[in-house]
Amino acid sequence: DTRHHYYTGAGVYDAFKAGKYTFYRQYKDAIKQAAIDFVDEGVKRSAGGKYFVLSKVYCPHCVNAKKCLKSAQVPEKNIELYEINDFRTHDEIKLYKQRL
């Protein structure tokens, strides 16, 4: 889906490779904005008992958070889980989450 392509940074990277961004800094700014948009949209969707989870496969805190949701028997339909290891936006997502 187009939004996922944008949020992961893949669309921004494709645009950079196609020459849309003249400077690397423009590309990095677009990656940063994609990360911010992704987190903000997820937070909005998490209202009303839904969980928006950003995880890295080998992060011990992430593993514990997922175990906690499972042990609390939160229905999977109420969990929106993203493993961000391969997202080009993952570093910017981490930085933005720290500011929230």
N, C-alpha and C. Protein backbone atom coordinates (compact mmCIF):
# COMPACT_ATOMS: atom_id res chain seq x y z
N ASP A 1 0.84 -1.18 0.00
CA ASP A 1 0.00 0.00 0.00
C ASP A 1 0.88 1.23 0.00
N THR A 2 0.40 2.30 -0.57
CA THR A 2 1.18 3.52 -0.78
C THR A 2 1.64 4.15 0.53
N ARG A 3 0.76 4.17 1.52
CA ARG A 3 1.14 4.78 2.80
C ARG A 3 2.29 4.01 3.45
N HIS A 4 2.19 2.69 3.43
CA HIS A 4 3.24 1.86 4.03
C HIS A 4 4.56 2.09 3.30
N HIS A 5 4.50 2.22 1.99
CA HIS A 5 5.69 2.48 1.17
C HIS A 5 6.34 3.80 1.60
N TYR A 6 5.49 4.79 1.89
CA TYR A 6 5.98 6.09 2.36
C TYR A 6 6.53 5.98 3.77
N TYR A 7 5.75 5.38 4.69
CA TYR A 7 6.14 5.32 6.09
C TYR A 7 7.44 4.55 6.32
N THR A 8 7.67 3.53 5.55
CA THR A 8 8.90 2.75 5.71
C THR A 8 10.12 3.46 5.14
N GLY A 9 9.87 4.51 4.39
CA GLY A 9 10.96 5.24 3.75
C GLY A 9 11.30 4.72 2.37
N ALA A 10 10.68 3.63 1.97
CA ALA A 10 10.98 3.05 0.65
C ALA A 10 10.59 4.01 -0.47
N GLY A 11 9.45 4.66 -0.32
CA GLY A 11 9.01 5.61 -1.35
C GLY A 11 9.93 6.82 -1.43
N VAL A 12 10.36 7.30 -0.29
CA VAL A 12 11.28 8.44 -0.24
C VAL A 12 12.61 8.04 -0.88
N TYR A 13 13.08 6.85 -0.58
CA TYR A 13 14.33 6.36 -1.16
C TYR A 13 14.21 6.24 -2.68
N ASP A 14 13.08 5.70 -3.15
CA ASP A 14 12.86 5.58 -4.59
C ASP A 14 12.89 6.95 -5.25
N ALA A 15 12.26 7.94 -4.61
CA ALA A 15 12.24 9.30 -5.14
C ALA A 15 13.65 9.90 -5.18
N PHE A 16 14.43 9.59 -4.14
CA PHE A 16 15.82 10.07 -4.08
C PHE A 16 16.63 9.47 -5.23
N LYS A 17 16.48 8.18 -5.43
CA LYS A 17 17.22 7.51 -6.51
C LYS A 17 16.77 7.99 -7.89
N ALA A 18 15.50 8.41 -8.00
CA ALA A 18 14.97 8.92 -9.27
C ALA A 18 15.33 10.38 -9.51
N GLY A 19 16.00 11.01 -8.53
CA GLY A 19 16.46 12.38 -8.70
C GLY A 19 15.51 13.45 -8.20
N LYS A 20 14.47 13.07 -7.47
CA LYS A 20 13.54 14.08 -6.95
C LYS A 20 14.22 15.01 -5.96
N TYR A 21 15.13 14.47 -5.18
CA TYR A 21 15.85 15.27 -4.20
C TYR A 21 17.25 15.53 -4.73
N THR A 22 17.59 16.80 -4.87
CA THR A 22 18.89 17.19 -5.41
C THR A 22 20.00 16.93 -4.40
N PHE A 23 19.68 17.15 -3.14
CA PHE A 23 20.69 17.04 -2.09
C PHE A 23 20.33 15.95 -1.10
N TYR A 24 21.35 15.33 -0.55
CA TYR A 24 21.15 14.27 0.43
C TYR A 24 20.37 14.79 1.64
N ARG A 25 20.59 16.02 2.01
CA ARG A 25 19.89 16.62 3.16
C ARG A 25 18.38 16.66 2.92
N GLN A 26 17.97 16.92 1.68
CA GLN A 26 16.54 16.91 1.35
C GLN A 26 15.96 15.51 1.56
N TYR A 27 16.72 14.52 1.14
CA TYR A 27 16.31 13.12 1.33
C TYR A 27 16.16 12.82 2.82
N LYS A 28 17.16 13.21 3.62
CA LYS A 28 17.12 12.95 5.07
C LYS A 28 15.94 13.67 5.72
N ASP A 29 15.65 14.89 5.29
CA ASP A 29 14.50 15.62 5.82
C ASP A 29 13.19 14.91 5.47
N ALA A 30 13.12 14.36 4.26
CA ALA A 30 11.91 13.64 3.84
C ALA A 30 11.76 12.35 4.63
N ILE A 31 12.86 11.67 4.93
CA ILE A 31 12.82 10.46 5.76
C ILE A 31 12.33 10.82 7.16
N LYS A 32 12.85 11.91 7.68
CA LYS A 32 12.43 12.37 9.02
C LYS A 32 10.93 12.66 9.05
N GLN A 33 10.43 13.34 8.04
CA GLN A 33 9.01 13.67 7.98
C GLN A 33 8.15 12.41 7.85
N ALA A 34 8.61 11.45 7.07
CA ALA A 34 7.87 10.19 6.92
C ALA A 34 7.77 9.47 8.26
N ALA A 35 8.85 9.49 9.04
CA ALA A 35 8.86 8.86 10.37
C ALA A 35 7.87 9.56 11.30
N ILE A 36 7.88 10.88 11.29
CA ILE A 36 6.98 11.66 12.14
C ILE A 36 5.52 11.38 11.75
N ASP A 37 5.25 11.39 10.45
CA ASP A 37 3.88 11.12 9.98
C ASP A 37 3.42 9.73 10.39
N PHE A 38 4.31 8.75 10.28
CA PHE A 38 3.99 7.37 10.64
C PHE A 38 3.62 7.26 12.11
N VAL A 39 4.44 7.82 12.97
CA VAL A 39 4.19 7.74 14.41
C VAL A 39 2.92 8.51 14.77
N ASP A 40 2.77 9.71 14.24
CA ASP A 40 1.59 10.51 14.56
C ASP A 40 0.29 9.82 14.12
N GLU A 41 0.29 9.23 12.94
CA GLU A 41 -0.89 8.51 12.47
C GLU A 41 -1.19 7.30 13.35
N GLY A 42 -0.15 6.59 13.75
CA GLY A 42 -0.32 5.43 14.61
C GLY A 42 -0.88 5.80 15.97
N VAL A 43 -0.39 6.90 16.52
CA VAL A 43 -0.89 7.37 17.81
C VAL A 43 -2.38 7.72 17.70
N LYS A 44 -2.77 8.36 16.61
CA LYS A 44 -4.19 8.69 16.41
C LYS A 44 -5.03 7.43 16.35
N ARG A 45 -4.54 6.41 15.63
CA ARG A 45 -5.29 5.15 15.49
C ARG A 45 -5.34 4.36 16.79
N SER A 46 -4.46 4.65 17.74
CA SER A 46 -4.40 3.87 18.97
C SER A 46 -5.42 4.31 20.02
N ALA A 47 -6.22 5.29 19.70
CA ALA A 47 -7.24 5.75 20.66
C ALA A 47 -8.30 4.67 20.87
N GLY A 48 -8.87 4.65 22.05
CA GLY A 48 -9.98 3.75 22.32
C GLY A 48 -9.61 2.31 22.56
N GLY A 49 -8.52 2.07 23.23
CA GLY A 49 -8.16 0.69 23.58
C GLY A 49 -7.34 -0.05 22.55
N LYS A 50 -6.88 0.63 21.53
CA LYS A 50 -6.01 0.01 20.52
C LYS A 50 -4.57 0.28 20.89
N TYR A 51 -3.69 -0.60 20.45
CA TYR A 51 -2.27 -0.47 20.75
C TYR A 51 -1.49 -0.35 19.45
N PHE A 52 -0.68 0.68 19.36
CA PHE A 52 0.22 0.92 18.23
C PHE A 52 1.61 0.60 18.74
N VAL A 53 2.20 -0.48 18.25
CA VAL A 53 3.47 -0.97 18.77
C VAL A 53 4.53 -0.91 17.68
N LEU A 54 5.61 -0.21 17.98
CA LEU A 54 6.77 -0.15 17.11
C LEU A 54 7.85 -0.98 17.79
N SER A 55 8.35 -1.97 17.08
CA SER A 55 9.24 -2.93 17.70
C SER A 55 10.45 -3.22 16.82
N LYS A 56 11.51 -3.62 17.48
CA LYS A 56 12.67 -4.17 16.78
C LYS A 56 12.80 -5.60 17.27
N VAL A 57 13.04 -6.51 16.38
CA VAL A 57 13.01 -7.93 16.67
C VAL A 57 13.88 -8.31 17.87
N TYR A 58 15.07 -7.77 17.96
CA TYR A 58 16.00 -8.19 19.01
C TYR A 58 16.09 -7.22 20.19
N CYS A 59 15.19 -6.29 20.26
CA CYS A 59 15.17 -5.32 21.37
C CYS A 59 14.51 -5.98 22.58
N PRO A 60 15.23 -6.09 23.70
CA PRO A 60 14.65 -6.76 24.88
C PRO A 60 13.42 -6.03 25.43
N HIS A 61 13.38 -4.71 25.34
CA HIS A 61 12.21 -3.97 25.81
C HIS A 61 11.00 -4.25 24.92
N CYS A 62 11.26 -4.34 23.63
CA CYS A 62 10.18 -4.64 22.68
C CYS A 62 9.63 -6.04 22.91
N VAL A 63 10.52 -6.99 23.12
CA VAL A 63 10.11 -8.37 23.39
C VAL A 63 9.25 -8.41 24.65
N ASN A 64 9.68 -7.71 25.70
CA ASN A 64 8.91 -7.66 26.95
C ASN A 64 7.55 -6.99 26.76
N ALA A 65 7.50 -5.94 25.98
CA ALA A 65 6.22 -5.25 25.74
C ALA A 65 5.25 -6.17 25.02
N LYS A 66 5.73 -6.91 24.03
CA LYS A 66 4.86 -7.85 23.31
C LYS A 66 4.40 -8.98 24.22
N LYS A 67 5.29 -9.46 25.09
CA LYS A 67 4.90 -10.50 26.05
C LYS A 67 3.84 -9.97 27.01
N CYS A 68 3.99 -8.74 27.43
CA CYS A 68 3.03 -8.12 28.35
C CYS A 68 1.64 -8.03 27.71
N LEU A 69 1.58 -7.61 26.46
CA LEU A 69 0.30 -7.53 25.77
C LEU A 69 -0.34 -8.92 25.64
N LYS A 70 0.51 -9.90 25.35
CA LYS A 70 0.00 -11.27 25.22
C LYS A 70 -0.51 -11.79 26.57
N SER A 71 0.27 -11.57 27.63
CA SER A 71 -0.15 -12.08 28.95
C SER A 71 -1.39 -11.34 29.47
N ALA A 72 -1.58 -10.11 29.03
CA ALA A 72 -2.78 -9.36 29.40
C ALA A 72 -3.98 -9.76 28.52
N GLN A 73 -3.73 -10.68 27.60
CA GLN A 73 -4.75 -11.20 26.69
C GLN A 73 -5.43 -10.11 25.87
N VAL A 74 -4.62 -9.16 25.43
CA VAL A 74 -5.13 -8.13 24.53
C VAL A 74 -5.39 -8.80 23.18
N PRO A 75 -6.60 -8.68 22.65
CA PRO A 75 -6.90 -9.31 21.37
C PRO A 75 -5.99 -8.78 20.26
N GLU A 76 -5.55 -9.67 19.38
CA GLU A 76 -4.65 -9.26 18.29
C GLU A 76 -5.26 -8.18 17.41
N LYS A 77 -6.59 -8.20 17.29
CA LYS A 77 -7.25 -7.18 16.46
C LYS A 77 -7.08 -5.78 17.05
N ASN A 78 -6.71 -5.69 18.32
CA ASN A 78 -6.49 -4.41 18.98
C ASN A 78 -5.03 -3.99 19.00
N ILE A 79 -4.18 -4.77 18.36
CA ILE A 79 -2.75 -4.48 18.33
C ILE A 79 -2.31 -4.24 16.89
N GLU A 80 -1.74 -3.08 16.66
CA GLU A 80 -1.16 -2.77 15.36
C GLU A 80 0.35 -2.80 15.57
N LEU A 81 0.98 -3.88 15.15
CA LEU A 81 2.40 -4.12 15.42
C LEU A 81 3.22 -3.93 14.16
N TYR A 82 4.29 -3.16 14.29
CA TYR A 82 5.24 -2.96 13.19
C TYR A 82 6.63 -3.30 13.68
N GLU A 83 7.27 -4.23 12.99
CA GLU A 83 8.68 -4.53 13.23
C GLU A 83 9.45 -3.60 12.31
N ILE A 84 10.14 -2.63 12.88
CA ILE A 84 10.73 -1.55 12.08
C ILE A 84 12.19 -1.77 11.71
N ASN A 85 12.72 -2.95 11.96
CA ASN A 85 14.13 -3.22 11.68
C ASN A 85 14.55 -2.82 10.27
N ASP A 86 13.71 -3.14 9.28
CA ASP A 86 14.08 -2.90 7.90
C ASP A 86 13.51 -1.60 7.32
N PHE A 87 12.88 -0.80 8.17
CA PHE A 87 12.36 0.48 7.70
C PHE A 87 13.54 1.44 7.51
N ARG A 88 13.58 2.14 6.42
CA ARG A 88 14.61 3.17 6.23
C ARG A 88 14.39 4.32 7.21
N THR A 89 13.21 4.40 7.75
CA THR A 89 12.86 5.47 8.70
C THR A 89 13.12 5.07 10.15
N HIS A 90 13.65 3.88 10.42
CA HIS A 90 13.70 3.40 11.80
C HIS A 90 14.53 4.28 12.74
N ASP A 91 15.62 4.83 12.30
CA ASP A 91 16.41 5.70 13.18
C ASP A 91 15.63 6.96 13.54
N GLU A 92 14.97 7.53 12.56
CA GLU A 92 14.18 8.74 12.81
C GLU A 92 12.95 8.44 13.66
N ILE A 93 12.38 7.26 13.49
CA ILE A 93 11.24 6.86 14.34
C ILE A 93 11.70 6.80 15.79
N LYS A 94 12.85 6.19 16.03
CA LYS A 94 13.38 6.10 17.40
C LYS A 94 13.61 7.49 18.00
N LEU A 95 14.19 8.38 17.22
CA LEU A 95 14.45 9.74 17.72
C LEU A 95 13.15 10.48 18.01
N TYR A 96 12.19 10.32 17.15
CA TYR A 96 10.91 11.02 17.35
C TYR A 96 10.17 10.46 18.57
N LYS A 97 10.17 9.16 18.73
CA LYS A 97 9.49 8.56 19.89
C LYS A 97 10.08 9.06 21.19
N GLN A 98 11.37 9.32 21.22
CA GLN A 98 12.02 9.82 22.45
C GLN A 98 11.52 11.21 22.81
N ARG A 99 11.10 11.98 21.83
CA ARG A 99 10.63 13.35 22.06
C ARG A 99 9.17 13.39 22.50
N LEU A 100 8.44 12.32 22.31
CA LEU A 100 7.01 12.32 22.67
C LEU A 100 6.82 12.27 24.16
